[in-house]
C-alpha cells in the first residue's frame, strides 16, 4: 500500500505477534505513534488465533490494519515529509547482550499498560517525591512452576531464580523482625501507611491493583528486582527505577549501558552478596540513599525514558540517514515458529 507522510508501516511477522510477545508489538507501535507517526500494521489471520491481552490492546488503538505491506518482515518503513522513505530493521537475540553491534538498543520497558497513554509513562515526578515507607520491597508472582523453569539457567547460567531467592530469604532470616511477610492487600497497605516498616524488608504476594502499582513501588527505598520466568529482566526493575526506587538485582550488565553497584543499584551475584546487599540497604544512611536515588533517576531519564526513545526515532527521521537498526536483545531467537505461521 502507498502511505501518506508521517506514516510508519510496521511488519513484525510471527516473532513479535505470537501470544505473550504481543506486548512488544504494542509497545513498539505506541512508541512510533508517540513519535508522531500514523501506524499501519500488518496482521495476518494467524494473529487472531490467540488474542492475548496485549494483542487486544493493539487492536484497541486507531491503527490502520492491513494484510499486505511492502515493508520486509521484522522491519518498519517510515514515510517522512517530502516523500522521504526510511527503513528500520529489527534484530533480536540474547547474543546481543554480549556481542554489541552498531545499533540503537531498545531499552526493556515498563509493563505495556503504561503505554496506552503518553502521560502514563513520562510523568513520574509525583511518585519520585513520595515519602518512603519501607526499606526494601518485593511484591509479585510467587508461583513456583512459573519461576523455576530450566530455560532461565540454560540461557543465563548462574542466575538465581525468583523462587530460589525467596526460599533463601525465608530460610536465612527466619527470626529477623526486619523481614515482614504480607499476604493480604489490606494488611500490606496498613503496614506501609503506618510508617512502621521504614527500616524493614516487606515481602508481599498480595495482588496490587494496577492503579496502585507505581505508588506502591515508590514507597520503598529499594526494590528487590527478581528474575522473570525465562530471563532475568522483568518489568518491575524498570518501573522501580522510573519512580526513583533503587533496584537490587543480579543482572546489572543486561542494562545498556551497565548499571553500577553503589551508584544506581545494589548488585549481587551470589547468595552471599545478596545477603550483603540486603544488609546494606537496611542500614544505609539518608545521605547515601538520596545520592543513589538521584543516580537511579539520572540513569532512567538518560537511557530508559520514553522521551529518549522518541528523540532517537525523531532524530533518525529528520536525518539524512536512510537506514537504522534497532536491537532488541531480550527476545529469544530460539523460539520455534508456531504451526501455520
C-alpha atoms as a PDB file:
ATOM      1  CA  UNK A   1       0.000   0.000   0.000  1.00  0.00           C
ATOM      2  CA  UNK A   2       1.057   3.607  -0.534  1.00  0.00           C
ATOM      3  CA  UNK A   3       1.305   5.653   2.618  1.00  0.00           C
ATOM      4  CA  UNK A   4       0.895   9.304   3.473  1.00  0.00           C
ATOM      5  CA  UNK A   5       3.637  11.381   5.060  1.00  0.00           C
ATOM      6  CA  UNK A   6       4.451  10.732   8.732  1.00  0.00           C
ATOM      7  CA  UNK A   7       3.347   7.135   8.470  1.00  0.00           C
ATOM      8  CA  UNK A   8       5.083   4.081   9.926  1.00  0.00           C
ATOM      9  CA  UNK A   9       4.373   0.829   8.100  1.00  0.00           C
ATOM     10  CA  UNK A  10       5.034  -1.966  10.578  1.00  0.00           C
ATOM     11  CA  UNK A  11       5.629  -5.584   9.560  1.00  0.00           C
ATOM     12  CA  UNK A  12       6.513  -7.609  12.641  1.00  0.00           C
ATOM     13  CA  UNK A  13       5.837 -11.131  11.402  1.00  0.00           C
ATOM     14  CA  UNK A  14       5.086 -14.029  13.723  1.00  0.00           C
ATOM     15  CA  UNK A  15       8.044 -13.370  16.007  1.00  0.00           C
ATOM     16  CA  UNK A  16       6.543 -10.297  17.677  1.00  0.00           C
ATOM     17  CA  UNK A  17       2.912 -11.211  17.200  1.00  0.00           C
ATOM     18  CA  UNK A  18       2.727 -14.623  18.833  1.00  0.00           C
ATOM     19  CA  UNK A  19       0.907 -14.906  22.170  1.00  0.00           C
ATOM     20  CA  UNK A  20       2.536 -13.105  25.099  1.00  0.00           C
ATOM     21  CA  UNK A  21       5.101 -11.435  22.862  1.00  0.00           C
ATOM     22  CA  UNK A  22       2.341  -9.259  21.509  1.00  0.00           C
ATOM     23  CA  UNK A  23       3.373  -6.911  24.321  1.00  0.00           C
ATOM     24  CA  UNK A  24       6.442  -5.846  22.342  1.00  0.00           C
ATOM     25  CA  UNK A  25       4.401  -5.292  19.195  1.00  0.00           C
ATOM     26  CA  UNK A  26       2.091  -2.997  21.102  1.00  0.00           C
ATOM     27  CA  UNK A  27       4.894  -1.029  22.768  1.00  0.00           C
ATOM     28  CA  UNK A  28       6.813  -0.589  19.501  1.00  0.00           C
ATOM     29  CA  UNK A  29       3.732   0.691  17.721  1.00  0.00           C
ATOM     30  CA  UNK A  30       2.897   3.086  20.545  1.00  0.00           C
ATOM     31  CA  UNK A  31       6.447   4.474  20.601  1.00  0.00           C
ATOM     32  CA  UNK A  32       6.135   5.206  16.901  1.00  0.00           C
ATOM     33  CA  UNK A  33       2.736   6.779  17.495  1.00  0.00           C
ATOM     34  CA  UNK A  34       4.143   8.942  20.302  1.00  0.00           C
ATOM     35  CA  UNK A  35       6.871   9.983  17.826  1.00  0.00           C
ATOM     36  CA  UNK A  36       4.222  11.495  15.573  1.00  0.00           C
ATOM     37  CA  UNK A  37       3.603   8.697  13.089  1.00  0.00           C
ATOM     38  CA  UNK A  38       0.334   7.261  11.890  1.00  0.00           C
ATOM     39  CA  UNK A  39       0.571   3.481  12.323  1.00  0.00           C
ATOM     40  CA  UNK A  40      -0.137   0.985   9.567  1.00  0.00           C
ATOM     41  CA  UNK A  41       0.420  -2.540  10.882  1.00  0.00           C
ATOM     42  CA  UNK A  42       0.320  -5.820   9.015  1.00  0.00           C
ATOM     43  CA  UNK A  43      -1.762  -8.508  10.709  1.00  0.00           C
ATOM     44  CA  UNK A  44      -2.392 -11.865   9.100  1.00  0.00           C
ATOM     45  CA  UNK A  45      -5.104 -14.347  10.010  1.00  0.00           C
ATOM     46  CA  UNK A  46      -2.843 -16.179  12.464  1.00  0.00           C
ATOM     47  CA  UNK A  47      -2.658 -13.097  14.646  1.00  0.00           C
ATOM     48  CA  UNK A  48      -6.292 -13.571  15.571  1.00  0.00           C
ATOM     49  CA  UNK A  49      -5.967 -17.222  16.582  1.00  0.00           C
ATOM     50  CA  UNK A  50      -4.766 -16.350  20.089  1.00  0.00           C
ATOM     51  CA  UNK A  51      -5.933 -12.929  21.233  1.00  0.00           C
ATOM     52  CA  UNK A  52      -3.743 -12.496  24.310  1.00  0.00           C
ATOM     53  CA  UNK A  53      -4.344  -9.311  26.332  1.00  0.00           C
ATOM     54  CA  UNK A  54      -1.536  -7.407  24.613  1.00  0.00           C
ATOM     55  CA  UNK A  55      -2.975  -8.165  21.189  1.00  0.00           C
ATOM     56  CA  UNK A  56      -6.294  -6.792  22.353  1.00  0.00           C
ATOM     57  CA  UNK A  57      -4.502  -3.617  23.446  1.00  0.00           C
ATOM     58  CA  UNK A  58      -3.056  -3.301  19.950  1.00  0.00           C
ATOM     59  CA  UNK A  59      -6.443  -3.846  18.337  1.00  0.00           C
ATOM     60  CA  UNK A  60      -7.997  -1.158  20.550  1.00  0.00           C
ATOM     61  CA  UNK A  61      -5.749   1.526  19.035  1.00  0.00           C
ATOM     62  CA  UNK A  62      -6.566   3.607  15.962  1.00  0.00           C
ATOM     63  CA  UNK A  63      -4.023   1.831  13.764  1.00  0.00           C
ATOM     64  CA  UNK A  64      -4.729   1.017  10.148  1.00  0.00           C
ATOM     65  CA  UNK A  65      -4.652  -2.796   9.918  1.00  0.00           C
ATOM     66  CA  UNK A  66      -3.777  -4.424   6.605  1.00  0.00           C
ATOM     67  CA  UNK A  67      -2.980  -7.875   5.208  1.00  0.00           C
ATOM     68  CA  UNK A  68      -0.151  -6.885   2.860  1.00  0.00           C
ATOM     69  CA  UNK A  69       2.655  -4.297   3.058  1.00  0.00           C
ATOM     70  CA  UNK A  70       5.846  -3.571   1.135  1.00  0.00           C
ATOM     71  CA  UNK A  71       7.984  -3.477   4.263  1.00  0.00           C
ATOM     72  CA  UNK A  72      10.068  -6.592   4.849  1.00  0.00           C
ATOM     73  CA  UNK A  73       9.263  -8.864   7.794  1.00  0.00           C
ATOM     74  CA  UNK A  74      10.640  -7.579  11.108  1.00  0.00           C
ATOM     75  CA  UNK A  75      11.049  -4.073   9.760  1.00  0.00           C
ATOM     76  CA  UNK A  76       9.418  -0.669   9.845  1.00  0.00           C
ATOM     77  CA  UNK A  77       9.210   1.641   6.838  1.00  0.00           C
ATOM     78  CA  UNK A  78       8.895   5.331   7.673  1.00  0.00           C
ATOM     79  CA  UNK A  79       7.254   7.730   5.221  1.00  0.00           C
ATOM     80  CA  UNK A  80       8.581  11.140   6.222  1.00  0.00           C
ATOM     81  CA  UNK A  81       7.790  14.675   4.972  1.00  0.00           C
ATOM     82  CA  UNK A  82       8.921  15.481   1.455  1.00  0.00           C
ATOM     83  CA  UNK A  83       8.324  11.951   0.226  1.00  0.00           C
ATOM     84  CA  UNK A  84      11.411  10.648   2.039  1.00  0.00           C
ATOM     85  CA  UNK A  85      11.318   6.942   2.887  1.00  0.00           C
ATOM     86  CA  UNK A  86      13.448   5.332   5.579  1.00  0.00           C
ATOM     87  CA  UNK A  87      13.880   1.805   6.876  1.00  0.00           C
ATOM     88  CA  UNK A  88      14.209   0.454  10.402  1.00  0.00           C
ATOM     89  CA  UNK A  89      15.461  -3.100  10.733  1.00  0.00           C
ATOM     90  CA  UNK A  90      14.734  -5.061  13.916  1.00  0.00           C
ATOM     91  CA  UNK A  91      17.255  -7.620  15.153  1.00  0.00           C
ATOM     92  CA  UNK A  92      16.774  -9.954  18.102  1.00  0.00           C
ATOM     93  CA  UNK A  93      18.592 -12.424  20.301  1.00  0.00           C
ATOM     94  CA  UNK A  94      20.228 -12.886  23.690  1.00  0.00           C
ATOM     95  CA  UNK A  95      23.647 -12.858  22.000  1.00  0.00           C
ATOM     96  CA  UNK A  96      23.195  -9.097  21.551  1.00  0.00           C
ATOM     97  CA  UNK A  97      23.776  -8.703  25.288  1.00  0.00           C
ATOM     98  CA  UNK A  98      27.380  -9.839  24.701  1.00  0.00           C
ATOM     99  CA  UNK A  99      28.032  -9.075  21.043  1.00  0.00           C
ATOM    100  CA  UNK A 100      27.419  -5.348  20.887  1.00  0.00           C
ATOM    101  CA  UNK A 101      26.569  -4.157  17.394  1.00  0.00           C
ATOM    102  CA  UNK A 102      26.168  -0.772  15.756  1.00  0.00           C
ATOM    103  CA  UNK A 103      22.507  -0.284  16.548  1.00  0.00           C
ATOM    104  CA  UNK A 104      20.099   1.512  18.843  1.00  0.00           C
ATOM    105  CA  UNK A 105      19.477  -0.827  21.758  1.00  0.00           C
ATOM    106  CA  UNK A 106      15.808  -0.525  22.599  1.00  0.00           C
ATOM    107  CA  UNK A 107      15.515  -0.433  26.390  1.00  0.00           C
ATOM    108  CA  UNK A 108      13.415  -3.028  28.125  1.00  0.00           C
ATOM    109  CA  UNK A 109      10.173  -1.333  29.016  1.00  0.00           C
ATOM    110  CA  UNK A 110       7.567  -0.777  31.655  1.00  0.00           C
ATOM    111  CA  UNK A 111       4.545  -3.045  31.504  1.00  0.00           C
ATOM    112  CA  UNK A 112       2.508  -2.480  28.294  1.00  0.00           C
ATOM    113  CA  UNK A 113      -0.412  -0.983  30.223  1.00  0.00           C
ATOM    114  CA  UNK A 114       1.718   2.121  30.816  1.00  0.00           C
ATOM    115  CA  UNK A 115       1.900   2.772  27.060  1.00  0.00           C
ATOM    116  CA  UNK A 116      -1.785   3.165  26.407  1.00  0.00           C
ATOM    117  CA  UNK A 117      -1.380   6.896  27.085  1.00  0.00           C
ATOM    118  CA  UNK A 118       1.754   9.002  26.707  1.00  0.00           C
ATOM    119  CA  UNK A 119       1.446  10.631  30.140  1.00  0.00           C
ATOM    120  CA  UNK A 120       1.291   7.237  31.880  1.00  0.00           C
ATOM    121  CA  UNK A 121       4.951   6.537  31.099  1.00  0.00           C
ATOM    122  CA  UNK A 122       6.501  10.016  31.089  1.00  0.00           C
ATOM    123  CA  UNK A 123       5.372  11.888  34.211  1.00  0.00           C
ATOM    124  CA  UNK A 124       6.796  10.294  37.362  1.00  0.00           C
ATOM    125  CA  UNK A 125       7.502  13.447  39.387  1.00  0.00           C
ATOM    126  CA  UNK A 126       4.762  12.793  41.947  1.00  0.00           C
ATOM    127  CA  UNK A 127       5.994   9.260  42.598  1.00  0.00           C
ATOM    128  CA  UNK A 128       9.606  10.368  42.868  1.00  0.00           C
ATOM    129  CA  UNK A 129       8.689  12.793  45.639  1.00  0.00           C
ATOM    130  CA  UNK A 130       6.710  10.158  47.534  1.00  0.00           C
ATOM    131  CA  UNK A 131       7.590   9.696  51.206  1.00  0.00           C
ATOM    132  CA  UNK A 132       9.420   6.430  51.726  1.00  0.00           C
ATOM    133  CA  UNK A 133       7.599   3.922  53.918  1.00  0.00           C
ATOM    134  CA  UNK A 134       9.801   0.818  53.675  1.00  0.00           C
ATOM    135  CA  UNK A 135      13.465  -0.076  53.434  1.00  0.00           C
ATOM    136  CA  UNK A 136      13.121  -2.827  50.795  1.00  0.00           C
ATOM    137  CA  UNK A 137      10.024  -4.035  48.968  1.00  0.00           C
ATOM    138  CA  UNK A 138       9.341  -7.107  46.915  1.00  0.00           C
ATOM    139  CA  UNK A 139       5.893  -7.921  45.603  1.00  0.00           C
ATOM    140  CA  UNK A 140       4.916 -10.146  42.740  1.00  0.00           C
ATOM    141  CA  UNK A 141       4.057 -13.584  41.494  1.00  0.00           C
ATOM    142  CA  UNK A 142       5.329 -16.384  43.772  1.00  0.00           C
ATOM    143  CA  UNK A 143       4.143 -19.253  41.559  1.00  0.00           C
ATOM    144  CA  UNK A 144       6.842 -21.903  41.779  1.00  0.00           C
ATOM    145  CA  UNK A 145       6.160 -23.553  38.432  1.00  0.00           C
ATOM    146  CA  UNK A 146       6.401 -20.268  36.542  1.00  0.00           C
ATOM    147  CA  UNK A 147       9.653 -19.214  38.186  1.00  0.00           C
ATOM    148  CA  UNK A 148      11.637 -22.463  38.285  1.00  0.00           C
ATOM    149  CA  UNK A 149      11.855 -23.066  34.550  1.00  0.00           C
ATOM    150  CA  UNK A 150      15.066 -24.716  33.373  1.00  0.00           C
ATOM    151  CA  UNK A 151      15.371 -22.346  30.412  1.00  0.00           C
ATOM    152  CA  UNK A 152      16.365 -19.461  32.697  1.00  0.00           C
ATOM    153  CA  UNK A 153      19.584 -21.153  33.808  1.00  0.00           C
ATOM    154  CA  UNK A 154      20.217 -22.673  30.398  1.00  0.00           C
ATOM    155  CA  UNK A 155      20.272 -19.277  28.713  1.00  0.00           C
ATOM    156  CA  UNK A 156      21.663 -17.286  31.659  1.00  0.00           C
ATOM    157  CA  UNK A 157      23.956 -19.615  33.656  1.00  0.00           C
ATOM    158  CA  UNK A 158      24.435 -18.673  37.285  1.00  0.00           C
ATOM    159  CA  UNK A 159      21.155 -16.798  37.591  1.00  0.00           C
ATOM    160  CA  UNK A 160      19.456 -17.303  40.948  1.00  0.00           C
ATOM    161  CA  UNK A 161      15.755 -17.720  40.236  1.00  0.00           C
ATOM    162  CA  UNK A 162      12.973 -15.803  41.903  1.00  0.00           C
ATOM    163  CA  UNK A 163      11.863 -18.857  43.872  1.00  0.00           C
ATOM    164  CA  UNK A 164      15.435 -19.627  44.984  1.00  0.00           C
ATOM    165  CA  UNK A 165      15.958 -16.100  46.294  1.00  0.00           C
ATOM    166  CA  UNK A 166      12.679 -16.104  48.209  1.00  0.00           C
ATOM    167  CA  UNK A 167      13.417 -19.563  49.649  1.00  0.00           C
ATOM    168  CA  UNK A 168      16.859 -18.348  50.705  1.00  0.00           C
ATOM    169  CA  UNK A 169      15.459 -15.321  52.488  1.00  0.00           C
ATOM    170  CA  UNK A 170      12.855 -17.410  54.283  1.00  0.00           C
ATOM    171  CA  UNK A 171      15.477 -19.939  55.385  1.00  0.00           C
ATOM    172  CA  UNK A 172      18.171 -17.469  56.415  1.00  0.00           C
ATOM    173  CA  UNK A 173      16.088 -14.748  58.033  1.00  0.00           C
ATOM    174  CA  UNK A 174      13.564 -16.882  59.976  1.00  0.00           C
ATOM    175  CA  UNK A 175      13.535 -14.802  63.154  1.00  0.00           C
ATOM    176  CA  UNK A 176      14.599 -11.436  61.775  1.00  0.00           C
ATOM    177  CA  UNK A 177      11.953  -8.902  62.771  1.00  0.00           C
ATOM    178  CA  UNK A 178      13.040  -6.647  59.917  1.00  0.00           C
ATOM    179  CA  UNK A 179      11.636  -9.108  57.362  1.00  0.00           C
ATOM    180  CA  UNK A 180       7.865  -8.766  57.187  1.00  0.00           C
ATOM    181  CA  UNK A 181       5.609 -11.007  55.096  1.00  0.00           C
ATOM    182  CA  UNK A 182       2.249  -9.714  53.956  1.00  0.00           C
ATOM    183  CA  UNK A 183      -0.214 -11.909  52.084  1.00  0.00           C
ATOM    184  CA  UNK A 184      -3.276  -9.646  52.127  1.00  0.00           C
ATOM    185  CA  UNK A 185      -3.697  -6.299  50.385  1.00  0.00           C
ATOM    186  CA  UNK A 186      -5.349  -4.578  53.364  1.00  0.00           C
ATOM    187  CA  UNK A 187      -2.551  -5.671  55.693  1.00  0.00           C
ATOM    188  CA  UNK A 188       0.081  -4.517  53.197  1.00  0.00           C
ATOM    189  CA  UNK A 189      -1.471  -1.071  52.759  1.00  0.00           C
ATOM    190  CA  UNK A 190      -1.943  -0.606  56.503  1.00  0.00           C
ATOM    191  CA  UNK A 191       1.647  -1.661  57.123  1.00  0.00           C
ATOM    192  CA  UNK A 192       3.055   0.860  54.673  1.00  0.00           C
ATOM    193  CA  UNK A 193       0.737   3.691  55.680  1.00  0.00           C
ATOM    194  CA  UNK A 194       1.627   3.261  59.348  1.00  0.00           C
ATOM    195  CA  UNK A 195       5.291   4.020  58.743  1.00  0.00           C
ATOM    196  CA  UNK A 196       6.408   1.106  60.925  1.00  0.00           C
ATOM    197  CA  UNK A 197       8.230  -0.591  58.040  1.00  0.00           C
ATOM    198  CA  UNK A 198      10.673   2.223  57.259  1.00  0.00           C
ATOM    199  CA  UNK A 199      13.668   0.082  58.175  1.00  0.00           C
ATOM    200  CA  UNK A 200      12.145  -3.240  57.167  1.00  0.00           C
ATOM    201  CA  UNK A 201      12.099  -5.614  54.206  1.00  0.00           C
ATOM    202  CA  UNK A 202       8.479  -6.088  53.098  1.00  0.00           C
ATOM    203  CA  UNK A 203       7.702  -9.189  51.025  1.00  0.00           C
ATOM    204  CA  UNK A 204       4.193  -9.471  49.680  1.00  0.00           C
ATOM    205  CA  UNK A 205       2.269 -11.800  47.414  1.00  0.00           C
ATOM    206  CA  UNK A 206      -0.870  -9.674  47.688  1.00  0.00           C
ATOM    207  CA  UNK A 207      -2.247  -8.673  44.286  1.00  0.00           C
ATOM    208  CA  UNK A 208      -1.922  -4.922  43.893  1.00  0.00           C
ATOM    209  CA  UNK A 209      -4.493  -3.118  41.713  1.00  0.00           C
ATOM    210  CA  UNK A 210      -2.932  -1.665  38.566  1.00  0.00           C
ATOM    211  CA  UNK A 211      -3.627   1.910  39.613  1.00  0.00           C
ATOM    212  CA  UNK A 212      -1.794   1.342  42.910  1.00  0.00           C
ATOM    213  CA  UNK A 213       1.343  -0.284  41.491  1.00  0.00           C
ATOM    214  CA  UNK A 214       3.561   2.752  40.875  1.00  0.00           C
ATOM    215  CA  UNK A 215       2.546   4.493  44.135  1.00  0.00           C
ATOM    216  CA  UNK A 216       3.324   1.222  45.923  1.00  0.00           C
ATOM    217  CA  UNK A 217       6.733   0.867  44.258  1.00  0.00           C
ATOM    218  CA  UNK A 218       7.636   4.440  45.100  1.00  0.00           C
ATOM    219  CA  UNK A 219       7.208   3.826  48.835  1.00  0.00           C
ATOM    220  CA  UNK A 220      10.360   1.726  49.094  1.00  0.00           C
ATOM    221  CA  UNK A 221      13.931   2.974  49.257  1.00  0.00           C
ATOM    222  CA  UNK A 222      14.854  -0.235  47.422  1.00  0.00           C
ATOM    223  CA  UNK A 223      13.033  -2.805  45.329  1.00  0.00           C
ATOM    224  CA  UNK A 224      14.299  -6.382  45.051  1.00  0.00           C
ATOM    225  CA  UNK A 225      14.156  -6.957  41.289  1.00  0.00           C
ATOM    226  CA  UNK A 226      13.981 -10.725  40.929  1.00  0.00           C
ATOM    227  CA  UNK A 227      14.223 -12.520  37.572  1.00  0.00           C
ATOM    228  CA  UNK A 228      11.347 -13.302  35.304  1.00  0.00           C
ATOM    229  CA  UNK A 229      10.485 -16.882  34.401  1.00  0.00           C
ATOM    230  CA  UNK A 230      12.547 -17.215  31.214  1.00  0.00           C
ATOM    231  CA  UNK A 231      15.123 -14.427  31.537  1.00  0.00           C
ATOM    232  CA  UNK A 232      16.494 -12.179  34.279  1.00  0.00           C
ATOM    233  CA  UNK A 233      14.913  -8.951  33.002  1.00  0.00           C
ATOM    234  CA  UNK A 234      11.498  -8.103  34.359  1.00  0.00           C
ATOM    235  CA  UNK A 235       9.277  -5.041  34.004  1.00  0.00           C
ATOM    236  CA  UNK A 236       9.416  -4.336  37.744  1.00  0.00           C
ATOM    237  CA  UNK A 237      13.062  -3.205  37.665  1.00  0.00           C
ATOM    238  CA  UNK A 238      12.304  -0.526  35.100  1.00  0.00           C
ATOM    239  CA  UNK A 239       9.116   0.551  36.839  1.00  0.00           C
ATOM    240  CA  UNK A 240      11.007   0.858  40.124  1.00  0.00           C
ATOM    241  CA  UNK A 241      13.714   2.993  38.544  1.00  0.00           C
ATOM    242  CA  UNK A 242      11.108   5.186  36.833  1.00  0.00           C
ATOM    243  CA  UNK A 243       9.701   6.229  40.218  1.00  0.00           C
ATOM    244  CA  UNK A 244      13.127   6.682  41.822  1.00  0.00           C
ATOM    245  CA  UNK A 245      13.314   3.434  43.792  1.00  0.00           C
ATOM    246  CA  UNK A 246      16.783   1.860  43.877  1.00  0.00           C
ATOM    247  CA  UNK A 247      16.977  -1.629  42.333  1.00  0.00           C
ATOM    248  CA  UNK A 248      18.642  -4.600  43.995  1.00  0.00           C
ATOM    249  CA  UNK A 249      19.433  -7.080  41.220  1.00  0.00           C
ATOM    250  CA  UNK A 250      21.721  -9.725  39.803  1.00  0.00           C
ATOM    251  CA  UNK A 251      21.646  -8.579  36.179  1.00  0.00           C
ATOM    252  CA  UNK A 252      23.172  -5.084  36.117  1.00  0.00           C
ATOM    253  CA  UNK A 253      25.163  -5.941  32.980  1.00  0.00           C
ATOM    254  CA  UNK A 254      21.994  -6.660  30.984  1.00  0.00           C
ATOM    255  CA  UNK A 255      21.270  -2.945  31.020  1.00  0.00           C
ATOM    256  CA  UNK A 256      22.771  -0.861  28.233  1.00  0.00           C
ATOM    257  CA  UNK A 257      24.969   0.735  29.447  1.00  0.00           C
ATOM    258  CA  UNK A 258      25.502  -1.418  32.549  1.00  0.00           C
ATOM    259  CA  UNK A 259      24.208  -0.245  35.893  1.00  0.00           C
ATOM    260  CA  UNK A 260      26.883   0.485  38.518  1.00  0.00           C
ATOM    261  CA  UNK A 261      26.923  -1.018  42.006  1.00  0.00           C
ATOM    262  CA  UNK A 262      26.518   1.634  44.729  1.00  0.00           C
ATOM    263  CA  UNK A 263      25.858   4.327  42.116  1.00  0.00           C
ATOM    264  CA  UNK A 264      22.469   3.424  40.687  1.00  0.00           C
ATOM    265  CA  UNK A 265      21.853  -0.097  42.028  1.00  0.00           C
ATOM    266  CA  UNK A 266      22.880  -2.661  44.596  1.00  0.00           C
ATOM    267  CA  UNK A 267      24.204  -5.642  42.662  1.00  0.00           C
ATOM    268  CA  UNK A 268      24.697  -9.239  43.770  1.00  0.00           C
ATOM    269  CA  UNK A 269      25.994 -12.370  42.054  1.00  0.00           C
ATOM    270  CA  UNK A 270      25.665 -14.999  44.798  1.00  0.00           C
ATOM    271  CA  UNK A 271      23.661 -15.720  47.928  1.00  0.00           C
ATOM    272  CA  UNK A 272      26.470 -14.197  49.984  1.00  0.00           C
ATOM    273  CA  UNK A 273      26.464 -10.907  48.091  1.00  0.00           C
ATOM    274  CA  UNK A 274      22.659 -10.920  48.108  1.00  0.00           C
ATOM    275  CA  UNK A 275      22.736 -11.001  51.901  1.00  0.00           C
ATOM    276  CA  UNK A 276      25.301  -8.201  51.885  1.00  0.00           C
ATOM    277  CA  UNK A 277      23.075  -6.097  49.622  1.00  0.00           C
ATOM    278  CA  UNK A 278      20.072  -6.633  51.907  1.00  0.00           C
ATOM    279  CA  UNK A 279      22.063  -5.612  54.995  1.00  0.00           C
ATOM    280  CA  UNK A 280      23.475  -2.574  53.226  1.00  0.00           C
ATOM    281  CA  UNK A 281      20.034  -1.476  52.051  1.00  0.00           C
ATOM    282  CA  UNK A 282      18.504  -1.759  55.510  1.00  0.00           C
ATOM    283  CA  UNK A 283      21.328   0.167  57.186  1.00  0.00           C
ATOM    284  CA  UNK A 284      22.096   2.854  54.599  1.00  0.00           C
ATOM    285  CA  UNK A 285      22.200   6.445  55.814  1.00  0.00           C
ATOM    286  CA  UNK A 286      19.828   9.033  54.391  1.00  0.00           C
ATOM    287  CA  UNK A 287      22.584  10.959  52.624  1.00  0.00           C
ATOM    288  CA  UNK A 288      23.662   7.827  50.740  1.00  0.00           C
ATOM    289  CA  UNK A 289      20.059   6.930  49.941  1.00  0.00           C
ATOM    290  CA  UNK A 290      19.471  10.319  48.373  1.00  0.00           C
ATOM    291  CA  UNK A 291      22.704  10.112  46.374  1.00  0.00           C
ATOM    292  CA  UNK A 292      21.770   6.702  44.982  1.00  0.00           C
ATOM    293  CA  UNK A 293      18.193   7.751  44.300  1.00  0.00           C
ATOM    294  CA  UNK A 294      19.490  10.705  42.265  1.00  0.00           C
ATOM    295  CA  UNK A 295      21.742   8.292  40.367  1.00  0.00           C
ATOM    296  CA  UNK A 296      18.819   6.000  39.566  1.00  0.00           C
ATOM    297  CA  UNK A 297      16.668   8.862  38.278  1.00  0.00           C
ATOM    298  CA  UNK A 298      19.523  10.250  36.188  1.00  0.00           C
ATOM    299  CA  UNK A 299      20.163   6.844  34.611  1.00  0.00           C
ATOM    300  CA  UNK A 300      16.479   6.277  33.883  1.00  0.00           C
ATOM    301  CA  UNK A 301      15.942   9.713  32.357  1.00  0.00           C
ATOM    302  CA  UNK A 302      19.110   9.446  30.268  1.00  0.00           C
ATOM    303  CA  UNK A 303      18.858   5.893  28.929  1.00  0.00           C
ATOM    304  CA  UNK A 304      15.446   4.329  29.589  1.00  0.00           C
ATOM    305  CA  UNK A 305      12.818   7.063  29.400  1.00  0.00           C
ATOM    306  CA  UNK A 306      10.208   7.063  26.645  1.00  0.00           C
ATOM    307  CA  UNK A 307      11.298  10.585  25.745  1.00  0.00           C
ATOM    308  CA  UNK A 308      14.765   9.288  24.880  1.00  0.00           C
ATOM    309  CA  UNK A 309      13.376   6.592  22.574  1.00  0.00           C
ATOM    310  CA  UNK A 310      11.126   9.128  20.865  1.00  0.00           C
ATOM    311  CA  UNK A 311      14.080  11.502  20.479  1.00  0.00           C
ATOM    312  CA  UNK A 312      16.117   8.743  18.842  1.00  0.00           C
ATOM    313  CA  UNK A 313      13.344   7.899  16.381  1.00  0.00           C
ATOM    314  CA  UNK A 314      12.705  11.540  15.501  1.00  0.00           C
ATOM    315  CA  UNK A 315      16.420  12.257  15.082  1.00  0.00           C
ATOM    316  CA  UNK A 316      16.671   9.407  12.604  1.00  0.00           C
ATOM    317  CA  UNK A 317      13.537  10.541  10.746  1.00  0.00           C
ATOM    318  CA  UNK A 318      14.930  14.084  10.408  1.00  0.00           C
ATOM    319  CA  UNK A 319      18.438  12.984   9.435  1.00  0.00           C
ATOM    320  CA  UNK A 320      19.929  12.191   6.040  1.00  0.00           C
ATOM    321  CA  UNK A 321      20.353   8.536   7.014  1.00  0.00           C
ATOM    322  CA  UNK A 322      18.204   6.042   5.155  1.00  0.00           C
ATOM    323  CA  UNK A 323      18.596   3.043   7.456  1.00  0.00           C
ATOM    324  CA  UNK A 324      18.516   2.361  11.172  1.00  0.00           C
ATOM    325  CA  UNK A 325      18.888  -0.851  13.142  1.00  0.00           C
ATOM    326  CA  UNK A 326      17.081  -1.390  16.433  1.00  0.00           C
ATOM    327  CA  UNK A 327      18.487  -4.186  18.584  1.00  0.00           C
ATOM    328  CA  UNK A 328      16.112  -5.989  20.922  1.00  0.00           C
ATOM    329  CA  UNK A 329      18.390  -8.315  22.911  1.00  0.00           C
ATOM    330  CA  UNK A 330      15.782  -9.534  25.373  1.00  0.00           C
ATOM    331  CA  UNK A 331      13.852 -11.570  22.790  1.00  0.00           C
ATOM    332  CA  UNK A 332      14.920 -15.190  22.435  1.00  0.00           C
ATOM    333  CA  UNK A 333      15.529 -16.201  18.815  1.00  0.00           C
ATOM    334  CA  UNK A 334      15.446 -19.900  19.766  1.00  0.00           C
ATOM    335  CA  UNK A 335      11.654 -19.877  19.952  1.00  0.00           C
ATOM    336  CA  UNK A 336      10.037 -22.213  17.451  1.00  0.00           C
ATOM    337  CA  UNK A 337       7.722 -20.866  14.832  1.00  0.00           C
ATOM    338  CA  UNK A 338       4.126 -21.915  15.634  1.00  0.00           C
ATOM    339  CA  UNK A 339       2.308 -24.229  13.202  1.00  0.00           C
ATOM    340  CA  UNK A 340       0.663 -22.329  10.384  1.00  0.00           C
ATOM    341  CA  UNK A 341       2.831 -19.220  10.553  1.00  0.00           C
END
